[in-house]
Amino acid sequence: MLITLDLSARQAQRVLGQALRTHVKLEIEPRPESHDTLLWGTLSGRENDVLTIDLHDTGHSAPLRTLMGAMCDVRMILSSQLCLFSTFILDIVDDTVPQRLALAIPETIQIANRRRFARKAPIEPVPVRFSASGMPSAPVAILANIGPTGLACRVVDPELQDRLCIGDEVELEFVLPWSNEVYALPAAVCNKNRCREEGHLMVGFEFVAQANEVALLRLRAALRDETARLTEKEGEL
């Protein structure tokens, strides 16, 4: 399942900042009426409201100059997530190596996160406690589903909703109903979506495996054991 989210202006600036620091690679697709091939490049700089892209390929079927002012769709991968935005080409420098494009800063950026594993929804409410720098207390949300790579929580506290931004890292603490172990795992916010219930927000987290790999392996084993137990029980019916 593909989950997409329109980032706020502040969150979009953070994503662009990370993209610049890592010199992220971009897939640029001019609108069909302008060009018939994809462009590939590296985000190399930013000045005011302009992004500079160093192009990788030079064998284009049409001169780059024909793309001046063209609208385009841009895709990039940051922290294992697909980021999408639309913009237009402000300038083209085709007599240098590498060739360069100047793109306008996008008005909005979307994040798309493809869920790679099935998630399990608990039968009874499971509280999840958050802790992070800047949080004066340890607020609590309710676990909605959990899988080997992450979990989702239903957040009611408006203050917590505002504090949790895409890319933020927090410490999650919870106990699964079928396990007596307390799991304390670092995770990063990967998506936020409004729930049908007014005032509720569904927040998705991706576990940071490198930070506490042993605890994450124990959690995955507990999830596998519960799945196997339920499968055996269904087979007896």
C-alpha atoms as a PDB file:
ATOM      1  CA  MET A   1       0.000   0.000   0.000  1.00  0.00           C
ATOM      2  CA  LEU A   2       1.295   3.460  -0.896  1.00  0.00           C
ATOM      3  CA  ILE A   3       0.740   6.173   1.705  1.00  0.00           C
ATOM      4  CA  THR A   4       1.205   9.804   0.635  1.00  0.00           C
ATOM      5  CA  LEU A   5       1.268  12.982   2.653  1.00  0.00           C
ATOM      6  CA  ASP A   6       1.471  16.665   1.723  1.00  0.00           C
ATOM      7  CA  LEU A   7       4.181  18.191   3.886  1.00  0.00           C
ATOM      8  CA  SER A   8       3.772  21.546   5.570  1.00  0.00           C
ATOM      9  CA  ALA A   9       5.981  24.415   4.394  1.00  0.00           C
ATOM     10  CA  ARG A  10       8.328  23.917   7.367  1.00  0.00           C
ATOM     11  CA  GLN A  11       8.561  20.166   6.793  1.00  0.00           C
ATOM     12  CA  ALA A  12       9.203  20.697   3.067  1.00  0.00           C
ATOM     13  CA  GLN A  13      12.109  23.015   3.909  1.00  0.00           C
ATOM     14  CA  ARG A  14      13.591  20.338   6.161  1.00  0.00           C
ATOM     15  CA  VAL A  15      13.302  17.744   3.391  1.00  0.00           C
ATOM     16  CA  LEU A  16      15.009  20.072   0.902  1.00  0.00           C
ATOM     17  CA  GLY A  17      17.743  20.755   3.444  1.00  0.00           C
ATOM     18  CA  GLN A  18      18.382  17.042   3.873  1.00  0.00           C
ATOM     19  CA  ALA A  19      18.351  16.557   0.094  1.00  0.00           C
ATOM     20  CA  LEU A  20      20.988  19.277  -0.314  1.00  0.00           C
ATOM     21  CA  ARG A  21      23.231  17.884   2.427  1.00  0.00           C
ATOM     22  CA  THR A  22      23.179  14.408   0.892  1.00  0.00           C
ATOM     23  CA  HIS A  23      23.331  15.596  -2.753  1.00  0.00           C
ATOM     24  CA  VAL A  24      20.338  13.414  -3.509  1.00  0.00           C
ATOM     25  CA  LYS A  25      19.785  12.000  -7.003  1.00  0.00           C
ATOM     26  CA  LEU A  26      16.671  13.177  -8.837  1.00  0.00           C
ATOM     27  CA  GLU A  27      14.501  11.670 -11.541  1.00  0.00           C
ATOM     28  CA  ILE A  28      13.015  14.545 -13.539  1.00  0.00           C
ATOM     29  CA  GLU A  29      10.133  13.912 -15.898  1.00  0.00           C
ATOM     30  CA  PRO A  30       9.182  16.854 -18.112  1.00  0.00           C
ATOM     31  CA  ARG A  31       5.532  16.927 -19.088  1.00  0.00           C
ATOM     32  CA  PRO A  32       4.929  14.732 -22.207  1.00  0.00           C
ATOM     33  CA  GLU A  33       4.370  17.631 -24.566  1.00  0.00           C
ATOM     34  CA  SER A  34       7.848  18.978 -23.753  1.00  0.00           C
ATOM     35  CA  HIS A  35      10.163  15.983 -23.785  1.00  0.00           C
ATOM     36  CA  ASP A  36      10.000  12.258 -24.409  1.00  0.00           C
ATOM     37  CA  THR A  37      12.718  10.994 -22.010  1.00  0.00           C
ATOM     38  CA  LEU A  38      13.519  11.171 -18.306  1.00  0.00           C
ATOM     39  CA  LEU A  39      16.342  13.347 -17.002  1.00  0.00           C
ATOM     40  CA  TRP A  40      18.611  12.218 -14.184  1.00  0.00           C
ATOM     41  CA  GLY A  41      20.677  14.514 -12.021  1.00  0.00           C
ATOM     42  CA  THR A  42      22.103  15.411  -8.621  1.00  0.00           C
ATOM     43  CA  LEU A  43      20.880  18.257  -6.452  1.00  0.00           C
ATOM     44  CA  SER A  44      24.045  20.334  -6.167  1.00  0.00           C
ATOM     45  CA  GLY A  45      22.956  23.664  -4.744  1.00  0.00           C
ATOM     46  CA  ARG A  46      20.296  26.163  -3.772  1.00  0.00           C
ATOM     47  CA  GLU A  47      20.230  29.926  -4.039  1.00  0.00           C
ATOM     48  CA  ASN A  48      17.151  31.747  -2.776  1.00  0.00           C
ATOM     49  CA  ASP A  49      14.197  30.056  -4.532  1.00  0.00           C
ATOM     50  CA  VAL A  50      16.227  28.170  -7.154  1.00  0.00           C
ATOM     51  CA  LEU A  51      17.547  24.583  -7.069  1.00  0.00           C
ATOM     52  CA  THR A  52      20.604  23.693  -9.177  1.00  0.00           C
ATOM     53  CA  ILE A  53      20.691  20.216 -10.736  1.00  0.00           C
ATOM     54  CA  ASP A  54      23.810  18.654 -12.295  1.00  0.00           C
ATOM     55  CA  LEU A  55      22.623  16.317 -15.052  1.00  0.00           C
ATOM     56  CA  HIS A  56      24.115  12.844 -15.454  1.00  0.00           C
ATOM     57  CA  ASP A  57      23.130  12.004 -19.011  1.00  0.00           C
ATOM     58  CA  THR A  58      23.742  14.017 -22.187  1.00  0.00           C
ATOM     59  CA  GLY A  59      22.253  11.905 -24.983  1.00  0.00           C
ATOM     60  CA  HIS A  60      18.838  13.540 -25.220  1.00  0.00           C
ATOM     61  CA  SER A  61      16.601  13.173 -28.250  1.00  0.00           C
ATOM     62  CA  ALA A  62      15.712  16.885 -28.136  1.00  0.00           C
ATOM     63  CA  PRO A  63      17.885  19.905 -27.291  1.00  0.00           C
ATOM     64  CA  LEU A  64      17.722  20.822 -23.631  1.00  0.00           C
ATOM     65  CA  ARG A  65      16.938  24.404 -24.581  1.00  0.00           C
ATOM     66  CA  THR A  66      13.480  23.273 -25.687  1.00  0.00           C
ATOM     67  CA  LEU A  67      12.703  22.576 -22.017  1.00  0.00           C
ATOM     68  CA  MET A  68      12.999  26.187 -20.889  1.00  0.00           C
ATOM     69  CA  GLY A  69       9.926  26.999 -18.798  1.00  0.00           C
ATOM     70  CA  ALA A  70       8.579  23.435 -18.972  1.00  0.00           C
ATOM     71  CA  MET A  71       6.669  21.918 -16.074  1.00  0.00           C
ATOM     72  CA  CYS A  72       8.124  18.676 -14.696  1.00  0.00           C
ATOM     73  CA  ASP A  73       7.494  16.005 -12.055  1.00  0.00           C
ATOM     74  CA  VAL A  74      10.438  15.188  -9.779  1.00  0.00           C
ATOM     75  CA  ARG A  75      11.086  12.080  -7.681  1.00  0.00           C
ATOM     76  CA  MET A  76      13.832  11.440  -5.119  1.00  0.00           C
ATOM     77  CA  ILE A  77      14.591   8.898  -2.375  1.00  0.00           C
ATOM     78  CA  LEU A  78      15.354  10.162   1.138  1.00  0.00           C
ATOM     79  CA  SER A  79      15.664   7.851   4.170  1.00  0.00           C
ATOM     80  CA  SER A  80      14.130   4.987   2.156  1.00  0.00           C
ATOM     81  CA  GLN A  81      11.103   7.126   1.300  1.00  0.00           C
ATOM     82  CA  LEU A  82       9.908   8.372  -2.054  1.00  0.00           C
ATOM     83  CA  CYS A  83       9.500  12.160  -2.194  1.00  0.00           C
ATOM     84  CA  LEU A  84       7.492  13.762  -4.991  1.00  0.00           C
ATOM     85  CA  PHE A  85       7.008  17.306  -6.197  1.00  0.00           C
ATOM     86  CA  SER A  86       6.132  19.303  -9.300  1.00  0.00           C
ATOM     87  CA  THR A  87       7.954  22.416 -10.451  1.00  0.00           C
ATOM     88  CA  PHE A  88       9.171  24.155 -13.622  1.00  0.00           C
ATOM     89  CA  ILE A  89      12.526  24.762 -15.295  1.00  0.00           C
ATOM     90  CA  LEU A  90      13.823  28.311 -14.843  1.00  0.00           C
ATOM     91  CA  ASP A  91      17.128  28.055 -16.688  1.00  0.00           C
ATOM     92  CA  ILE A  92      19.316  25.614 -18.642  1.00  0.00           C
ATOM     93  CA  VAL A  93      23.099  25.608 -19.010  1.00  0.00           C
ATOM     94  CA  ASP A  94      23.941  23.140 -21.792  1.00  0.00           C
ATOM     95  CA  ASP A  95      27.488  24.255 -22.720  1.00  0.00           C
ATOM     96  CA  THR A  96      29.160  23.029 -19.513  1.00  0.00           C
ATOM     97  CA  VAL A  97      30.188  19.637 -18.096  1.00  0.00           C
ATOM     98  CA  PRO A  98      27.983  18.602 -16.459  1.00  0.00           C
ATOM     99  CA  GLN A  99      24.984  20.288 -18.020  1.00  0.00           C
ATOM    100  CA  ARG A 100      22.744  22.005 -15.483  1.00  0.00           C
ATOM    101  CA  LEU A 101      19.115  22.816 -14.839  1.00  0.00           C
ATOM    102  CA  ALA A 102      17.706  25.471 -12.541  1.00  0.00           C
ATOM    103  CA  LEU A 103      14.392  24.439 -10.977  1.00  0.00           C
ATOM    104  CA  ALA A 104      11.967  26.597  -9.040  1.00  0.00           C
ATOM    105  CA  ILE A 105      11.511  25.683  -5.369  1.00  0.00           C
ATOM    106  CA  PRO A 106       8.324  23.567  -5.236  1.00  0.00           C
ATOM    107  CA  GLU A 107       5.283  24.914  -3.442  1.00  0.00           C
ATOM    108  CA  THR A 108       4.504  21.493  -1.925  1.00  0.00           C
ATOM    109  CA  ILE A 109       6.316  18.185  -1.440  1.00  0.00           C
ATOM    110  CA  GLN A 110       4.673  14.808  -0.947  1.00  0.00           C
ATOM    111  CA  ILE A 111       6.135  11.788   0.811  1.00  0.00           C
ATOM    112  CA  ALA A 112       5.128   8.303  -0.297  1.00  0.00           C
ATOM    113  CA  ASN A 113       5.993   5.319   1.877  1.00  0.00           C
ATOM    114  CA  ARG A 114       5.308   1.823   0.529  1.00  0.00           C
ATOM    115  CA  ARG A 115       4.493  -0.609   3.301  1.00  0.00           C
ATOM    116  CA  ARG A 116       6.567  -3.741   2.679  1.00  0.00           C
ATOM    117  CA  PHE A 117       5.138  -6.008   5.382  1.00  0.00           C
ATOM    118  CA  ALA A 118       1.693  -6.817   6.711  1.00  0.00           C
ATOM    119  CA  ARG A 119       0.836  -5.125   9.991  1.00  0.00           C
ATOM    120  CA  LYS A 120      -0.960  -6.695  12.959  1.00  0.00           C
ATOM    121  CA  ALA A 121      -3.736  -4.811  14.758  1.00  0.00           C
ATOM    122  CA  PRO A 122      -3.933  -5.556  18.519  1.00  0.00           C
ATOM    123  CA  ILE A 123      -7.253  -6.821  19.913  1.00  0.00           C
ATOM    124  CA  GLU A 124      -6.977  -4.764  23.109  1.00  0.00           C
ATOM    125  CA  PRO A 125      -5.703  -1.172  23.511  1.00  0.00           C
ATOM    126  CA  VAL A 126      -1.927  -0.914  23.745  1.00  0.00           C
ATOM    127  CA  PRO A 127      -0.486   2.394  25.013  1.00  0.00           C
ATOM    128  CA  VAL A 128       2.685   3.672  23.365  1.00  0.00           C
ATOM    129  CA  ARG A 129       4.793   6.188  25.257  1.00  0.00           C
ATOM    130  CA  PHE A 130       6.904   8.773  23.391  1.00  0.00           C
ATOM    131  CA  SER A 131      10.082  10.479  24.496  1.00  0.00           C
ATOM    132  CA  ALA A 132      12.327  12.865  22.585  1.00  0.00           C
ATOM    133  CA  SER A 133      14.407  15.954  23.121  1.00  0.00           C
ATOM    134  CA  GLY A 134      12.160  18.972  23.546  1.00  0.00           C
ATOM    135  CA  MET A 135       9.251  16.987  24.986  1.00  0.00           C
ATOM    136  CA  PRO A 136       8.690  18.105  28.596  1.00  0.00           C
ATOM    137  CA  SER A 137       6.739  14.920  29.408  1.00  0.00           C
ATOM    138  CA  ALA A 138       6.260  11.446  27.946  1.00  0.00           C
ATOM    139  CA  PRO A 139       2.898  11.598  26.125  1.00  0.00           C
ATOM    140  CA  VAL A 140       0.963   8.445  25.286  1.00  0.00           C
ATOM    141  CA  ALA A 141      -0.851   7.317  22.117  1.00  0.00           C
ATOM    142  CA  ILE A 142      -2.725   4.102  21.269  1.00  0.00           C
ATOM    143  CA  LEU A 143      -1.171   1.452  19.045  1.00  0.00           C
ATOM    144  CA  ALA A 144      -3.188   0.915  15.841  1.00  0.00           C
ATOM    145  CA  ASN A 145      -1.002  -1.695  14.112  1.00  0.00           C
ATOM    146  CA  ILE A 146       2.526  -3.056  14.219  1.00  0.00           C
ATOM    147  CA  GLY A 147       4.847  -4.945  11.884  1.00  0.00           C
ATOM    148  CA  PRO A 148       8.527  -5.915  11.578  1.00  0.00           C
ATOM    149  CA  THR A 149       9.608  -2.501  10.284  1.00  0.00           C
ATOM    150  CA  GLY A 150       7.363  -0.109  12.159  1.00  0.00           C
ATOM    151  CA  LEU A 151       4.053   0.737  13.773  1.00  0.00           C
ATOM    152  CA  ALA A 152       1.200   3.229  13.626  1.00  0.00           C
ATOM    153  CA  CYS A 153      -0.409   5.047  16.541  1.00  0.00           C
ATOM    154  CA  ARG A 154      -3.641   6.944  17.016  1.00  0.00           C
ATOM    155  CA  VAL A 155      -2.742  10.320  18.507  1.00  0.00           C
ATOM    156  CA  VAL A 156      -5.373  12.488  20.216  1.00  0.00           C
ATOM    157  CA  ASP A 157      -3.208  15.049  22.039  1.00  0.00           C
ATOM    158  CA  PRO A 158      -3.140  18.207  19.807  1.00  0.00           C
ATOM    159  CA  GLU A 159       0.216  19.282  21.235  1.00  0.00           C
ATOM    160  CA  LEU A 160       1.781  15.923  20.372  1.00  0.00           C
ATOM    161  CA  GLN A 161       0.275  16.088  16.860  1.00  0.00           C
ATOM    162  CA  ASP A 162       2.065  19.382  16.269  1.00  0.00           C
ATOM    163  CA  ARG A 163       5.364  18.201  17.749  1.00  0.00           C
ATOM    164  CA  LEU A 164       5.636  15.059  15.591  1.00  0.00           C
ATOM    165  CA  CYS A 165       7.010  16.050  12.180  1.00  0.00           C
ATOM    166  CA  ILE A 166       8.063  13.864   9.261  1.00  0.00           C
ATOM    167  CA  GLY A 167      11.636  12.705   9.798  1.00  0.00           C
ATOM    168  CA  ASP A 168      11.667  13.347  13.564  1.00  0.00           C
ATOM    169  CA  GLU A 169      13.232  10.598  15.679  1.00  0.00           C
ATOM    170  CA  VAL A 170      11.625   9.551  18.960  1.00  0.00           C
ATOM    171  CA  GLU A 171      11.884   6.723  21.476  1.00  0.00           C
ATOM    172  CA  LEU A 172       8.831   4.443  21.569  1.00  0.00           C
ATOM    173  CA  GLU A 173       8.029   2.314  24.629  1.00  0.00           C
ATOM    174  CA  PHE A 174       5.248  -0.301  24.695  1.00  0.00           C
ATOM    175  CA  VAL A 175       4.306  -3.810  25.849  1.00  0.00           C
ATOM    176  CA  LEU A 176       2.582  -6.236  23.469  1.00  0.00           C
ATOM    177  CA  PRO A 177      -0.499  -8.037  24.908  1.00  0.00           C
ATOM    178  CA  TRP A 178       1.014 -11.489  24.305  1.00  0.00           C
ATOM    179  CA  SER A 179       4.461 -10.578  25.663  1.00  0.00           C
ATOM    180  CA  ASN A 180       5.650  -9.416  29.072  1.00  0.00           C
ATOM    181  CA  GLU A 181       8.669  -7.628  27.618  1.00  0.00           C
ATOM    182  CA  VAL A 182       8.891  -3.853  27.542  1.00  0.00           C
ATOM    183  CA  TYR A 183      10.102  -2.741  24.111  1.00  0.00           C
ATOM    184  CA  ALA A 184      11.982   0.566  23.934  1.00  0.00           C
ATOM    185  CA  LEU A 185      12.852   1.305  20.328  1.00  0.00           C
ATOM    186  CA  PRO A 186      14.019   4.408  18.448  1.00  0.00           C
ATOM    187  CA  ALA A 187      11.903   5.231  15.412  1.00  0.00           C
ATOM    188  CA  ALA A 188      11.385   7.973  12.836  1.00  0.00           C
ATOM    189  CA  VAL A 189       8.061   9.552  11.854  1.00  0.00           C
ATOM    190  CA  CYS A 190       7.297   8.445   8.275  1.00  0.00           C
ATOM    191  CA  ASN A 191       3.694   9.542   7.675  1.00  0.00           C
ATOM    192  CA  LYS A 192       0.755  11.424   9.223  1.00  0.00           C
ATOM    193  CA  ASN A 193      -2.887  11.081   8.211  1.00  0.00           C
ATOM    194  CA  ARG A 194      -6.145  12.428   9.618  1.00  0.00           C
ATOM    195  CA  CYS A 195      -8.538   9.827  11.042  1.00  0.00           C
ATOM    196  CA  ARG A 196     -12.283   9.751  10.534  1.00  0.00           C
ATOM    197  CA  GLU A 197     -12.751  10.625  14.186  1.00  0.00           C
ATOM    198  CA  GLU A 198     -12.469  14.382  14.598  1.00  0.00           C
ATOM    199  CA  GLY A 199      -9.340  15.439  16.429  1.00  0.00           C
ATOM    200  CA  HIS A 200      -7.548  12.110  15.871  1.00  0.00           C
ATOM    201  CA  LEU A 201      -4.350  11.686  13.853  1.00  0.00           C
ATOM    202  CA  MET A 202      -2.751   8.445  12.633  1.00  0.00           C
ATOM    203  CA  VAL A 203       1.038   8.661  12.827  1.00  0.00           C
ATOM    204  CA  GLY A 204       3.305   6.036  11.255  1.00  0.00           C
ATOM    205  CA  PHE A 205       6.793   5.234  12.540  1.00  0.00           C
ATOM    206  CA  GLU A 206       9.672   3.309  11.004  1.00  0.00           C
ATOM    207  CA  PHE A 207      12.032   1.586  13.436  1.00  0.00           C
ATOM    208  CA  VAL A 208      15.672   2.695  13.352  1.00  0.00           C
ATOM    209  CA  ALA A 209      17.324  -0.721  13.217  1.00  0.00           C
ATOM    210  CA  GLN A 210      20.938   0.380  13.657  1.00  0.00           C
ATOM    211  CA  ALA A 211      20.203   2.082  16.981  1.00  0.00           C
ATOM    212  CA  ASN A 212      18.885  -0.973  18.876  1.00  0.00           C
ATOM    213  CA  GLU A 213      19.116  -4.008  16.643  1.00  0.00           C
ATOM    214  CA  VAL A 214      18.943  -6.607  19.436  1.00  0.00           C
ATOM    215  CA  ALA A 215      15.621  -5.298  20.804  1.00  0.00           C
ATOM    216  CA  LEU A 216      14.216  -5.064  17.280  1.00  0.00           C
ATOM    217  CA  LEU A 217      15.141  -8.691  16.590  1.00  0.00           C
ATOM    218  CA  ARG A 218      13.315  -9.724  19.777  1.00  0.00           C
ATOM    219  CA  LEU A 219      10.237  -7.773  18.703  1.00  0.00           C
ATOM    220  CA  ARG A 220      10.222  -9.398  15.262  1.00  0.00           C
ATOM    221  CA  ALA A 221      10.525 -12.834  16.855  1.00  0.00           C
ATOM    222  CA  ALA A 222       7.555 -12.047  19.132  1.00  0.00           C
ATOM    223  CA  LEU A 223       5.486 -10.976  16.118  1.00  0.00           C
ATOM    224  CA  ARG A 224       6.374 -14.186  14.256  1.00  0.00           C
ATOM    225  CA  ASP A 225       5.498 -16.340  17.277  1.00  0.00           C
ATOM    226  CA  GLU A 226       2.094 -14.682  17.684  1.00  0.00           C
ATOM    227  CA  THR A 227       1.353 -15.037  13.962  1.00  0.00           C
ATOM    228  CA  ALA A 228       2.240 -18.746  14.117  1.00  0.00           C
ATOM    229  CA  ARG A 229       0.091 -19.244  17.238  1.00  0.00           C
ATOM    230  CA  LEU A 230      -2.926 -17.612  15.642  1.00  0.00           C
ATOM    231  CA  THR A 231      -2.465 -19.629  12.443  1.00  0.00           C
ATOM    232  CA  GLU A 232      -2.396 -22.886  14.436  1.00  0.00           C
ATOM    233  CA  LYS A 233      -5.489 -21.859  16.418  1.00  0.00           C
ATOM    234  CA  GLU A 234      -7.428 -21.036  13.236  1.00  0.00           C
ATOM    235  CA  GLY A 235      -6.497 -24.455  11.848  1.00  0.00           C
ATOM    236  CA  GLU A 236      -8.181 -26.147  14.819  1.00  0.00           C
ATOM    237  CA  LEU A 237     -11.545 -24.503  14.196  1.00  0.00           C
END
